Protein backbone atom coordinates (compact mmCIF):
# COMPACT_ATOMS: atom_id res chain seq x y z
CA MET A 1 -3.44 9.67 -20.80
CA GLY A 2 -4.23 6.01 -20.44
CA ASP A 3 -4.87 3.61 -23.31
CA GLU A 4 -6.74 0.58 -21.96
CA PRO A 5 -5.06 0.91 -18.54
CA THR A 6 -7.08 -1.98 -17.10
CA GLY A 7 -7.32 -4.15 -20.21
CA ASN A 8 -5.31 -7.06 -18.79
CA LEU A 9 -6.27 -6.72 -15.14
CA ASP A 10 -8.73 -8.61 -12.98
CA SER A 11 -11.62 -6.61 -11.53
CA LYS A 12 -9.95 -6.01 -8.13
CA ASN A 13 -6.82 -4.52 -9.69
CA ALA A 14 -8.89 -2.56 -12.22
CA ASP A 15 -10.75 -0.99 -9.29
CA THR A 16 -7.43 -0.12 -7.67
CA VAL A 17 -6.20 1.59 -10.85
CA PHE A 18 -9.44 3.54 -11.13
CA ASP A 19 -9.17 4.65 -7.49
CA ILE A 20 -5.59 5.82 -8.05
CA PHE A 21 -6.61 7.80 -11.14
CA LYS A 22 -9.56 9.35 -9.29
CA GLU A 23 -7.35 10.30 -6.33
CA LEU A 24 -4.73 11.87 -8.61
CA SER A 25 -7.40 13.79 -10.46
CA GLU A 26 -8.96 15.21 -7.32
CA GLU A 27 -5.86 15.88 -5.21
CA GLU A 28 -3.61 17.18 -7.98
CA HIS A 29 -6.39 18.87 -9.99
CA LEU A 30 -5.53 16.81 -13.07
CA SER A 31 -7.59 15.97 -16.10
CA LEU A 32 -7.16 12.40 -17.28
CA LEU A 33 -7.94 11.03 -20.71
CA VAL A 34 -8.59 7.29 -20.62
CA VAL A 35 -9.44 5.16 -23.63
CA THR A 36 -11.24 1.95 -22.70
CA HIS A 37 -13.64 -0.70 -23.90
CA ASP A 38 -14.45 -1.52 -20.25
CA GLN A 39 -17.95 -0.12 -19.82
CA ASP A 40 -17.87 -0.57 -16.03
CA PHE A 41 -14.70 1.53 -15.84
CA ALA A 42 -16.18 4.17 -18.17
CA ASN A 43 -19.42 4.37 -16.19
CA ARG A 44 -17.47 5.43 -13.09
CA THR A 45 -15.95 8.46 -14.83
CA ASP A 46 -17.24 12.04 -14.90
CA ARG A 47 -17.68 12.13 -18.67
CA ILE A 48 -17.86 9.63 -21.52
CA ILE A 49 -17.13 10.52 -25.14
CA HIS A 50 -17.98 7.80 -27.65
CA MET A 51 -16.09 7.24 -30.87
CA GLU A 52 -17.03 5.26 -33.93
CA ASP A 53 -14.92 4.69 -37.03
CA GLY A 54 -12.29 7.11 -35.71
CA ARG A 55 -14.77 9.95 -35.18
CA ILE A 56 -16.40 11.41 -32.09
CA LYS A 57 -20.10 10.56 -31.99
CA LEU A 58 -22.32 13.50 -31.15
């Protein structure tokens, strides 16, 4: 699980973190849960689940 893992990083380091997560996911067959407000980061993931007011939006 990652809660805003790139929140304080510049774009180059945020890309590095994403690449590490992606590599871990693929090579180790892991599922990762990442909470972010970074839409660019989210758009690179396999699935996006939106929340509003503490509830999952359908």
